[in-house]
Each structure stands twice: as C-alpha cells, then as structure tokens.
Amino acid sequence: MRVIRKSLQHSKFSRVRLGAMLGLPIAVLCAIWLSQAPLQPVQAVSAGIVISQVYGGAGCGTASCSTYKNDYIELFNRGASAVSVNGWSVQYAAAAGTTWQVTALTNTTIQPGQYFLVAESFGANGVNNLPTPDVTGTIAMSATAAKVALVNATTALSGSCPAGASIVDLVGYGATASCFETAVAPAPSTTTADVRGANGCTETDNNSTDFSVTTPNPRNTASTLNPCGGGGTTTCCHVDVSCGAAHFGIPELDNS
C-alpha cells in the first residue's frame, strides 16, 4: 500500500487561519488540509499486511543444527482494518536469482494485530516443530541470504528485482541479496531469524533497520493479537496518516 508523508515545514496553514477552523469537524479539517498541503513523493510503506519474520534454517546437515524443522515466513497485519489474503502468495528467490517460487495463501482474512504462518521446506535435523501453520508450502529457503516477497496475486514474479503494484511487501536478507527495501536485512542463520521490530509493527521501508536477527518466534493466526498502536491511533481522509499535531501543528485531534 502506498502512503503519502508530509512534514510540518511544508504546511500552508497559518496559525491564524488554523485557529479559525478549530471548531470544524475533523473530517472537514482533513479535507481542507489535504487540498492545500503540498504532496511529497509516494513511498511504498506497507500499512496493512507485512512480512514480519523470515527463517530459512531448516534442513541443515547435522543433527539438531536447526532451531525449527521447517523454514517459514510469518505475515502480520500492522494496520487498523482486516485484510483478506485470498488469491495472494508468498514468493521466494535465491539471493541473486531471477526465478521465483510461489506458495499460494489460503482464503483467510487477517485481523488487525494478527499473525499468519507459512511453513515451507521440512528438515529432519531441526529441534522444534512449528506451531500449526496456516498454510504449508515446499520451498527450501536459504538460511543466510535470499529474497521473499508478499504478492497480491499467485503469478510468479520474474527478474532479479521485480517491481509493480502486485508486490505488497519485500524483504531481501543477507549481504548478497539483489533486491530489498533501502538496504538488506541482516543475515540470519540456522538458529536465528530475521524478525520485524515491535512484534511486527515497525515499518520504515528499510529492511536493514526494520529487521533484526534474533531467536525465531513463529506465530500463527491463533497467537495472541498484537494491534499496533493499541487502538488509540486515528486515521483520516482515506490515506494512511494520523490526525493530530504531527500534521496540523495543533494539539492532537481525535475523531473517535
């Protein structure tokens, strides 16, 4: 999902004009603000479903060398609305590869703060079983460097670094990954995973800072919900911005 970021320094509202509007309904203020504030270039920040965890450590060559018996990709809804992933897929390519493998997702609606677990290739040398996956594929993922995309279709992507509106989120991990958001996520291992910050809520369009290498913690749709913002953030005007001081230069407004 594409969103528009705006800064206070570009606002055309003067204190005098804004002061006269404080009594207006929040929807009217939002409409006026959007019509007058200059727009910055769009950025591909995902406001809904994101890839929240990547683990490719299953299938190592010696006994008990992998934390889990399956590679996996975890998804998370960091937005405020439920999202159906019917007809979506997760896709995988080698670090410098151009061929993408596809695992189709089930007809599921992911609630705000809910996780969704995609199990991939099985390796007998892993120590732990995953929690019950929400869908199971067969992709053998690299433990240390590769590319994973969340796509709102099931047609395989192509090329070393594909682009297009169908790509909802993308993570390139490890130093040799040829496609990523801003910079690569750090390289995990057979015993660690790349995990998105704040239990999935962090999203700045930078794989290197959004993800950190830590102990794998796979979560599925039955796991405890983790709504980002705790339900206290309001959105307005049908774009992904929060009403309040950061956008209007006034004490926080609430349309709840």
C-alpha atoms as a PDB file:
ATOM      1  CA  MET A   1       0.000   0.000   0.000  1.00  0.00           C
ATOM      2  CA  ARG A   2       1.300   3.398  -0.893  1.00  0.00           C
ATOM      3  CA  VAL A   3       1.053   6.278   1.526  1.00  0.00           C
ATOM      4  CA  ILE A   4       1.954   9.968   1.446  1.00  0.00           C
ATOM      5  CA  ARG A   5       4.305  11.505   4.041  1.00  0.00           C
ATOM      6  CA  LYS A   6       4.105  15.201   4.729  1.00  0.00           C
ATOM      7  CA  SER A   7       6.110  17.435   7.067  1.00  0.00           C
ATOM      8  CA  LEU A   8       5.107  20.482   9.037  1.00  0.00           C
ATOM      9  CA  GLN A   9       7.571  22.712   7.218  1.00  0.00           C
ATOM     10  CA  HIS A  10       5.525  22.397   4.014  1.00  0.00           C
ATOM     11  CA  SER A  11       2.141  23.154   5.583  1.00  0.00           C
ATOM     12  CA  LYS A  12       0.309  26.145   4.119  1.00  0.00           C
ATOM     13  CA  PHE A  13      -1.827  26.631   7.201  1.00  0.00           C
ATOM     14  CA  SER A  14      -1.008  29.748   9.191  1.00  0.00           C
ATOM     15  CA  ARG A  15      -1.800  29.863  12.869  1.00  0.00           C
ATOM     16  CA  VAL A  16      -4.455  32.487  12.233  1.00  0.00           C
ATOM     17  CA  ARG A  17      -6.267  30.510   9.558  1.00  0.00           C
ATOM     18  CA  LEU A  18      -5.965  27.262  11.527  1.00  0.00           C
ATOM     19  CA  GLY A  19      -7.219  28.889  14.715  1.00  0.00           C
ATOM     20  CA  ALA A  20     -10.423  29.868  12.935  1.00  0.00           C
ATOM     21  CA  MET A  21     -11.015  26.256  11.981  1.00  0.00           C
ATOM     22  CA  LEU A  22     -10.602  24.551  15.331  1.00  0.00           C
ATOM     23  CA  GLY A  23     -14.322  24.263  15.764  1.00  0.00           C
ATOM     24  CA  LEU A  24     -14.802  22.419  12.470  1.00  0.00           C
ATOM     25  CA  PRO A  25     -15.430  18.644  12.394  1.00  0.00           C
ATOM     26  CA  ILE A  26     -12.309  16.559  11.979  1.00  0.00           C
ATOM     27  CA  ALA A  27     -13.377  15.293   8.533  1.00  0.00           C
ATOM     28  CA  VAL A  28     -13.657  18.899   7.276  1.00  0.00           C
ATOM     29  CA  LEU A  29     -10.214  19.770   8.657  1.00  0.00           C
ATOM     30  CA  CYS A  30      -8.735  16.708   6.972  1.00  0.00           C
ATOM     31  CA  ALA A  31     -10.306  17.579   3.626  1.00  0.00           C
ATOM     32  CA  ILE A  32      -9.070  21.180   3.769  1.00  0.00           C
ATOM     33  CA  TRP A  33      -5.588  20.108   4.811  1.00  0.00           C
ATOM     34  CA  LEU A  34      -5.243  17.551   2.011  1.00  0.00           C
ATOM     35  CA  SER A  35      -6.429  20.070  -0.584  1.00  0.00           C
ATOM     36  CA  GLN A  36      -3.902  22.734   0.451  1.00  0.00           C
ATOM     37  CA  ALA A  37      -0.824  20.869   1.729  1.00  0.00           C
ATOM     38  CA  PRO A  38       1.800  20.175  -0.952  1.00  0.00           C
ATOM     39  CA  LEU A  39       2.315  16.470  -1.577  1.00  0.00           C
ATOM     40  CA  GLN A  40       5.620  14.657  -1.206  1.00  0.00           C
ATOM     41  CA  PRO A  41       6.557  11.743  -3.483  1.00  0.00           C
ATOM     42  CA  VAL A  42       4.827   8.487  -2.520  1.00  0.00           C
ATOM     43  CA  GLN A  43       6.713   5.728  -0.752  1.00  0.00           C
ATOM     44  CA  ALA A  44       5.909   2.018  -0.602  1.00  0.00           C
ATOM     45  CA  VAL A  45       5.347   1.739   3.146  1.00  0.00           C
ATOM     46  CA  SER A  46       3.021  -1.174   3.856  1.00  0.00           C
ATOM     47  CA  ALA A  47       0.159  -0.017   6.054  1.00  0.00           C
ATOM     48  CA  GLY A  48      -1.579  -3.410   6.166  1.00  0.00           C
ATOM     49  CA  ILE A  49      -0.039  -6.867   5.793  1.00  0.00           C
ATOM     50  CA  VAL A  50       3.753  -7.136   6.036  1.00  0.00           C
ATOM     51  CA  ILE A  51       6.337  -9.873   6.189  1.00  0.00           C
ATOM     52  CA  SER A  52       7.184  -9.975   9.879  1.00  0.00           C
ATOM     53  CA  GLN A  53       9.597 -12.891  10.133  1.00  0.00           C
ATOM     54  CA  VAL A  54      11.811 -14.987   7.857  1.00  0.00           C
ATOM     55  CA  TYR A  55      13.545 -18.228   8.844  1.00  0.00           C
ATOM     56  CA  GLY A  56      15.404 -20.456   6.388  1.00  0.00           C
ATOM     57  CA  GLY A  57      17.461 -22.553   8.776  1.00  0.00           C
ATOM     58  CA  ALA A  58      15.727 -25.915   8.469  1.00  0.00           C
ATOM     59  CA  GLY A  59      17.440 -28.750   6.643  1.00  0.00           C
ATOM     60  CA  CYS A  60      20.989 -28.275   7.896  1.00  0.00           C
ATOM     61  CA  GLY A  61      23.307 -31.258   7.585  1.00  0.00           C
ATOM     62  CA  THR A  62      23.861 -32.402  11.170  1.00  0.00           C
ATOM     63  CA  ALA A  63      21.585 -33.481  13.987  1.00  0.00           C
ATOM     64  CA  SER A  64      19.904 -30.719  15.974  1.00  0.00           C
ATOM     65  CA  CYS A  65      21.618 -27.950  13.994  1.00  0.00           C
ATOM     66  CA  SER A  66      18.354 -26.120  13.189  1.00  0.00           C
ATOM     67  CA  THR A  67      16.067 -24.492  15.722  1.00  0.00           C
ATOM     68  CA  TYR A  68      12.957 -25.487  13.718  1.00  0.00           C
ATOM     69  CA  LYS A  69      12.169 -28.392  11.421  1.00  0.00           C
ATOM     70  CA  ASN A  70      10.584 -26.137   8.797  1.00  0.00           C
ATOM     71  CA  ASP A  71      11.642 -22.998   7.054  1.00  0.00           C
ATOM     72  CA  TYR A  72       8.910 -20.402   7.478  1.00  0.00           C
ATOM     73  CA  ILE A  73       7.613 -16.966   6.554  1.00  0.00           C
ATOM     74  CA  GLU A  74       5.445 -15.097   9.049  1.00  0.00           C
ATOM     75  CA  LEU A  75       2.990 -12.391   7.989  1.00  0.00           C
ATOM     76  CA  PHE A  76       1.402  -9.740  10.208  1.00  0.00           C
ATOM     77  CA  ASN A  77      -1.398  -7.214   9.881  1.00  0.00           C
ATOM     78  CA  ARG A  78       0.014  -3.954  11.266  1.00  0.00           C
ATOM     79  CA  GLY A  79      -2.963  -1.936  10.050  1.00  0.00           C
ATOM     80  CA  ALA A  80      -6.305  -0.997  11.574  1.00  0.00           C
ATOM     81  CA  SER A  81      -8.523  -2.975   9.174  1.00  0.00           C
ATOM     82  CA  ALA A  82      -8.976  -6.676   8.439  1.00  0.00           C
ATOM     83  CA  VAL A  83      -7.395  -7.796   5.146  1.00  0.00           C
ATOM     84  CA  SER A  84      -8.323 -10.817   3.030  1.00  0.00           C
ATOM     85  CA  VAL A  85      -5.331 -12.625   1.533  1.00  0.00           C
ATOM     86  CA  ASN A  86      -7.473 -14.735  -0.795  1.00  0.00           C
ATOM     87  CA  GLY A  87      -5.609 -15.005  -4.088  1.00  0.00           C
ATOM     88  CA  TRP A  88      -2.310 -13.777  -2.552  1.00  0.00           C
ATOM     89  CA  SER A  89       1.010 -15.606  -2.297  1.00  0.00           C
ATOM     90  CA  VAL A  90       4.420 -15.520  -0.714  1.00  0.00           C
ATOM     91  CA  GLN A  91       7.257 -15.865  -3.190  1.00  0.00           C
ATOM     92  CA  TYR A  92      10.931 -16.732  -2.810  1.00  0.00           C
ATOM     93  CA  ALA A  93      14.056 -16.335  -4.913  1.00  0.00           C
ATOM     94  CA  ALA A  94      17.716 -17.041  -4.258  1.00  0.00           C
ATOM     95  CA  ALA A  95      19.870 -14.077  -3.277  1.00  0.00           C
ATOM     96  CA  ALA A  96      20.898 -13.270  -6.848  1.00  0.00           C
ATOM     97  CA  GLY A  97      18.252 -15.399  -8.519  1.00  0.00           C
ATOM     98  CA  THR A  98      15.702 -14.428 -11.163  1.00  0.00           C
ATOM     99  CA  THR A  99      13.289 -17.345 -10.729  1.00  0.00           C
ATOM    100  CA  TRP A 100      10.602 -17.034  -8.058  1.00  0.00           C
ATOM    101  CA  GLN A 101       8.887 -19.942  -6.315  1.00  0.00           C
ATOM    102  CA  VAL A 102       5.289 -19.476  -5.199  1.00  0.00           C
ATOM    103  CA  THR A 103       3.252 -20.601  -2.185  1.00  0.00           C
ATOM    104  CA  ALA A 104      -0.402 -19.625  -2.536  1.00  0.00           C
ATOM    105  CA  LEU A 105      -2.144 -18.394   0.614  1.00  0.00           C
ATOM    106  CA  THR A 106      -5.465 -19.704   1.851  1.00  0.00           C
ATOM    107  CA  ASN A 107      -8.766 -17.818   1.761  1.00  0.00           C
ATOM    108  CA  THR A 108      -8.172 -16.112   5.108  1.00  0.00           C
ATOM    109  CA  THR A 109      -8.998 -12.689   6.494  1.00  0.00           C
ATOM    110  CA  ILE A 110      -6.183 -11.480   8.750  1.00  0.00           C
ATOM    111  CA  GLN A 111      -7.409  -9.241  11.552  1.00  0.00           C
ATOM    112  CA  PRO A 112      -5.534  -6.165  12.828  1.00  0.00           C
ATOM    113  CA  GLY A 113      -2.661  -7.356  15.006  1.00  0.00           C
ATOM    114  CA  GLN A 114      -2.970 -10.958  13.813  1.00  0.00           C
ATOM    115  CA  TYR A 115      -0.175 -13.189  12.562  1.00  0.00           C
ATOM    116  CA  PHE A 116      -0.256 -15.734   9.716  1.00  0.00           C
ATOM    117  CA  LEU A 117       2.291 -18.546   9.493  1.00  0.00           C
ATOM    118  CA  VAL A 118       3.523 -20.050   6.223  1.00  0.00           C
ATOM    119  CA  ALA A 119       5.552 -23.240   6.698  1.00  0.00           C
ATOM    120  CA  GLU A 120       7.996 -24.130   3.949  1.00  0.00           C
ATOM    121  CA  SER A 121      10.543 -26.927   3.401  1.00  0.00           C
ATOM    122  CA  PHE A 122      10.927 -29.578   6.133  1.00  0.00           C
ATOM    123  CA  GLY A 123      14.260 -30.702   7.560  1.00  0.00           C
ATOM    124  CA  ALA A 124      14.504 -33.677   9.906  1.00  0.00           C
ATOM    125  CA  ASN A 125      17.527 -32.267  11.745  1.00  0.00           C
ATOM    126  CA  GLY A 126      15.539 -29.432  13.300  1.00  0.00           C
ATOM    127  CA  VAL A 127      14.849 -29.420  17.025  1.00  0.00           C
ATOM    128  CA  ASN A 128      11.338 -27.950  17.252  1.00  0.00           C
ATOM    129  CA  ASN A 129       8.089 -28.325  15.350  1.00  0.00           C
ATOM    130  CA  LEU A 130       6.382 -25.135  14.224  1.00  0.00           C
ATOM    131  CA  PRO A 131       3.075 -24.065  15.724  1.00  0.00           C
ATOM    132  CA  THR A 132       0.277 -25.252  13.423  1.00  0.00           C
ATOM    133  CA  PRO A 133       0.921 -23.470  10.117  1.00  0.00           C
ATOM    134  CA  ASP A 134      -1.884 -21.546   8.444  1.00  0.00           C
ATOM    135  CA  VAL A 135      -0.597 -22.779   5.078  1.00  0.00           C
ATOM    136  CA  THR A 136       2.219 -25.119   4.063  1.00  0.00           C
ATOM    137  CA  GLY A 137       4.498 -24.894   1.033  1.00  0.00           C
ATOM    138  CA  THR A 138       7.594 -26.774  -0.059  1.00  0.00           C
ATOM    139  CA  ILE A 139      10.141 -24.025  -0.769  1.00  0.00           C
ATOM    140  CA  ALA A 140      13.667 -24.722   0.507  1.00  0.00           C
ATOM    141  CA  MET A 141      14.882 -21.338   1.741  1.00  0.00           C
ATOM    142  CA  SER A 142      18.439 -20.203   2.335  1.00  0.00           C
ATOM    143  CA  ALA A 143      19.385 -19.717   5.968  1.00  0.00           C
ATOM    144  CA  THR A 144      21.597 -16.701   5.270  1.00  0.00           C
ATOM    145  CA  ALA A 145      20.692 -14.788   2.072  1.00  0.00           C
ATOM    146  CA  ALA A 146      17.640 -14.657  -0.207  1.00  0.00           C
ATOM    147  CA  LYS A 147      14.590 -12.621  -1.222  1.00  0.00           C
ATOM    148  CA  VAL A 148      10.993 -13.018  -0.033  1.00  0.00           C
ATOM    149  CA  ALA A 149       8.004 -11.146  -1.437  1.00  0.00           C
ATOM    150  CA  LEU A 150       4.374 -10.878  -0.382  1.00  0.00           C
ATOM    151  CA  VAL A 151       2.286 -10.600  -3.549  1.00  0.00           C
ATOM    152  CA  ASN A 152      -1.435  -9.942  -4.044  1.00  0.00           C
ATOM    153  CA  ALA A 153      -1.539 -12.493  -6.875  1.00  0.00           C
ATOM    154  CA  THR A 154      -0.266 -16.036  -7.489  1.00  0.00           C
ATOM    155  CA  THR A 155       1.542 -15.418 -10.781  1.00  0.00           C
ATOM    156  CA  ALA A 156       5.261 -15.898 -10.261  1.00  0.00           C
ATOM    157  CA  LEU A 157       7.394 -12.767 -10.273  1.00  0.00           C
ATOM    158  CA  SER A 158      10.345 -12.596 -12.652  1.00  0.00           C
ATOM    159  CA  GLY A 159      13.735 -10.951 -12.670  1.00  0.00           C
ATOM    160  CA  SER A 160      16.361 -10.294 -10.068  1.00  0.00           C
ATOM    161  CA  CYS A 161      14.493  -7.346  -8.567  1.00  0.00           C
ATOM    162  CA  PRO A 162      10.870  -7.175  -9.770  1.00  0.00           C
ATOM    163  CA  ALA A 163       8.666  -4.153  -9.197  1.00  0.00           C
ATOM    164  CA  GLY A 164       4.981  -3.425  -9.553  1.00  0.00           C
ATOM    165  CA  ALA A 165       1.730  -2.807  -7.723  1.00  0.00           C
ATOM    166  CA  SER A 166       1.226  -6.521  -7.031  1.00  0.00           C
ATOM    167  CA  ILE A 167       4.148  -6.574  -4.575  1.00  0.00           C
ATOM    168  CA  VAL A 168       2.742  -5.789  -1.145  1.00  0.00           C
ATOM    169  CA  ASP A 169       5.989  -6.195   0.788  1.00  0.00           C
ATOM    170  CA  LEU A 170       9.511  -7.432   0.125  1.00  0.00           C
ATOM    171  CA  VAL A 171      12.462  -8.472   2.240  1.00  0.00           C
ATOM    172  CA  GLY A 172      15.971  -9.065   0.980  1.00  0.00           C
ATOM    173  CA  TYR A 173      18.177 -10.615   3.643  1.00  0.00           C
ATOM    174  CA  GLY A 174      21.904 -11.265   3.716  1.00  0.00           C
ATOM    175  CA  ALA A 175      24.681  -9.263   2.071  1.00  0.00           C
ATOM    176  CA  THR A 176      24.300 -10.830  -1.392  1.00  0.00           C
ATOM    177  CA  ALA A 177      20.546 -10.291  -1.805  1.00  0.00           C
ATOM    178  CA  SER A 178      19.985  -8.390  -5.067  1.00  0.00           C
ATOM    179  CA  CYS A 179      16.589  -6.935  -4.131  1.00  0.00           C
ATOM    180  CA  PHE A 180      15.496  -5.255  -0.887  1.00  0.00           C
ATOM    181  CA  GLU A 181      13.865  -2.168   0.596  1.00  0.00           C
ATOM    182  CA  THR A 182      16.560   0.533   1.005  1.00  0.00           C
ATOM    183  CA  ALA A 183      19.185  -1.880   2.382  1.00  0.00           C
ATOM    184  CA  VAL A 184      19.377  -5.603   3.094  1.00  0.00           C
ATOM    185  CA  ALA A 185      18.151  -7.148   6.325  1.00  0.00           C
ATOM    186  CA  PRO A 186      20.956  -8.734   8.367  1.00  0.00           C
ATOM    187  CA  ALA A 187      21.899 -12.331   7.618  1.00  0.00           C
ATOM    188  CA  PRO A 188      20.219 -14.879   9.924  1.00  0.00           C
ATOM    189  CA  SER A 189      21.397 -18.464  10.433  1.00  0.00           C
ATOM    190  CA  THR A 190      20.124 -21.969  11.162  1.00  0.00           C
ATOM    191  CA  THR A 191      19.374 -20.909  14.730  1.00  0.00           C
ATOM    192  CA  THR A 192      18.215 -17.298  14.216  1.00  0.00           C
ATOM    193  CA  ALA A 193      15.566 -15.495  12.187  1.00  0.00           C
ATOM    194  CA  ASP A 194      15.068 -12.021  10.730  1.00  0.00           C
ATOM    195  CA  VAL A 195      12.290 -10.535  12.859  1.00  0.00           C
ATOM    196  CA  ARG A 196      10.496  -7.235  12.253  1.00  0.00           C
ATOM    197  CA  GLY A 197      10.700  -4.811  15.175  1.00  0.00           C
ATOM    198  CA  ALA A 198       7.932  -4.130  17.714  1.00  0.00           C
ATOM    199  CA  ASN A 199       6.458  -7.600  17.125  1.00  0.00           C
ATOM    200  CA  GLY A 200       5.737  -6.693  13.516  1.00  0.00           C
ATOM    201  CA  CYS A 201       4.659  -3.074  13.862  1.00  0.00           C
ATOM    202  CA  THR A 202       7.891  -1.385  12.723  1.00  0.00           C
ATOM    203  CA  GLU A 203       7.805  -0.338   9.047  1.00  0.00           C
ATOM    204  CA  THR A 204      10.091   2.354   7.621  1.00  0.00           C
ATOM    205  CA  ASP A 205      10.752   0.828   4.190  1.00  0.00           C
ATOM    206  CA  ASN A 206      14.261  -0.123   5.235  1.00  0.00           C
ATOM    207  CA  ASN A 207      14.935  -3.850   5.625  1.00  0.00           C
ATOM    208  CA  SER A 208      18.225  -3.208   7.426  1.00  0.00           C
ATOM    209  CA  THR A 209      16.599  -1.318  10.307  1.00  0.00           C
ATOM    210  CA  ASP A 210      13.099  -2.807  10.283  1.00  0.00           C
ATOM    211  CA  PHE A 211      14.513  -6.300  10.916  1.00  0.00           C
ATOM    212  CA  SER A 212      16.964  -7.674  13.427  1.00  0.00           C
ATOM    213  CA  VAL A 213      18.479 -11.123  13.864  1.00  0.00           C
ATOM    214  CA  THR A 214      17.131 -12.853  16.931  1.00  0.00           C
ATOM    215  CA  THR A 215      15.720 -16.126  18.260  1.00  0.00           C
ATOM    216  CA  PRO A 216      12.996 -17.487  15.950  1.00  0.00           C
ATOM    217  CA  ASN A 217       9.483 -16.955  17.290  1.00  0.00           C
ATOM    218  CA  PRO A 218       6.942 -18.255  14.752  1.00  0.00           C
ATOM    219  CA  ARG A 219       3.327 -17.126  15.327  1.00  0.00           C
ATOM    220  CA  ASN A 220       0.117 -18.184  13.599  1.00  0.00           C
ATOM    221  CA  THR A 221      -3.470 -16.929  13.454  1.00  0.00           C
ATOM    222  CA  ALA A 222      -4.151 -18.492  16.866  1.00  0.00           C
ATOM    223  CA  SER A 223      -1.377 -16.484  18.555  1.00  0.00           C
ATOM    224  CA  THR A 224      -2.126 -13.519  20.813  1.00  0.00           C
ATOM    225  CA  LEU A 225      -3.086 -10.428  18.829  1.00  0.00           C
ATOM    226  CA  ASN A 226      -0.676  -7.503  18.781  1.00  0.00           C
ATOM    227  CA  PRO A 227      -2.587  -4.462  17.455  1.00  0.00           C
ATOM    228  CA  CYS A 228      -0.149  -1.701  16.553  1.00  0.00           C
ATOM    229  CA  GLY A 229      -0.897   1.463  18.487  1.00  0.00           C
ATOM    230  CA  GLY A 230      -3.277  -0.343  20.814  1.00  0.00           C
ATOM    231  CA  GLY A 231      -6.336   1.009  19.004  1.00  0.00           C
ATOM    232  CA  GLY A 232      -5.630   4.595  20.050  1.00  0.00           C
ATOM    233  CA  THR A 233      -4.415   5.897  16.689  1.00  0.00           C
ATOM    234  CA  THR A 234      -6.964   7.541  14.433  1.00  0.00           C
ATOM    235  CA  THR A 235      -6.725   7.760  10.688  1.00  0.00           C
ATOM    236  CA  CYS A 236      -8.497  10.216   8.440  1.00  0.00           C
ATOM    237  CA  CYS A 237      -9.174  11.271   4.916  1.00  0.00           C
ATOM    238  CA  HIS A 238      -8.715   7.766   3.449  1.00  0.00           C
ATOM    239  CA  VAL A 239      -4.918   7.924   3.491  1.00  0.00           C
ATOM    240  CA  ASP A 240      -2.503   6.465   5.977  1.00  0.00           C
ATOM    241  CA  VAL A 241      -1.854   9.483   8.158  1.00  0.00           C
ATOM    242  CA  SER A 242      -2.813  10.131  11.767  1.00  0.00           C
ATOM    243  CA  CYS A 243      -4.742  13.260  12.659  1.00  0.00           C
ATOM    244  CA  GLY A 244      -3.060  15.463  15.205  1.00  0.00           C
ATOM    245  CA  ALA A 245      -0.076  17.616  15.982  1.00  0.00           C
ATOM    246  CA  ALA A 246       2.280  15.900  13.554  1.00  0.00           C
ATOM    247  CA  HIS A 247       0.158  17.016  10.616  1.00  0.00           C
ATOM    248  CA  PHE A 248      -1.779  20.049  11.716  1.00  0.00           C
ATOM    249  CA  GLY A 249       0.557  21.736  14.176  1.00  0.00           C
ATOM    250  CA  ILE A 250      -2.158  21.734  16.851  1.00  0.00           C
ATOM    251  CA  PRO A 251      -2.894  19.585  19.908  1.00  0.00           C
ATOM    252  CA  GLU A 252      -3.882  16.063  18.949  1.00  0.00           C
ATOM    253  CA  LEU A 253      -7.344  15.715  17.477  1.00  0.00           C
ATOM    254  CA  ASP A 254      -9.446  12.609  17.865  1.00  0.00           C
ATOM    255  CA  ASN A 255     -12.447  11.656  15.770  1.00  0.00           C
ATOM    256  CA  SER A 256     -13.330   8.589  17.786  1.00  0.00           C
END
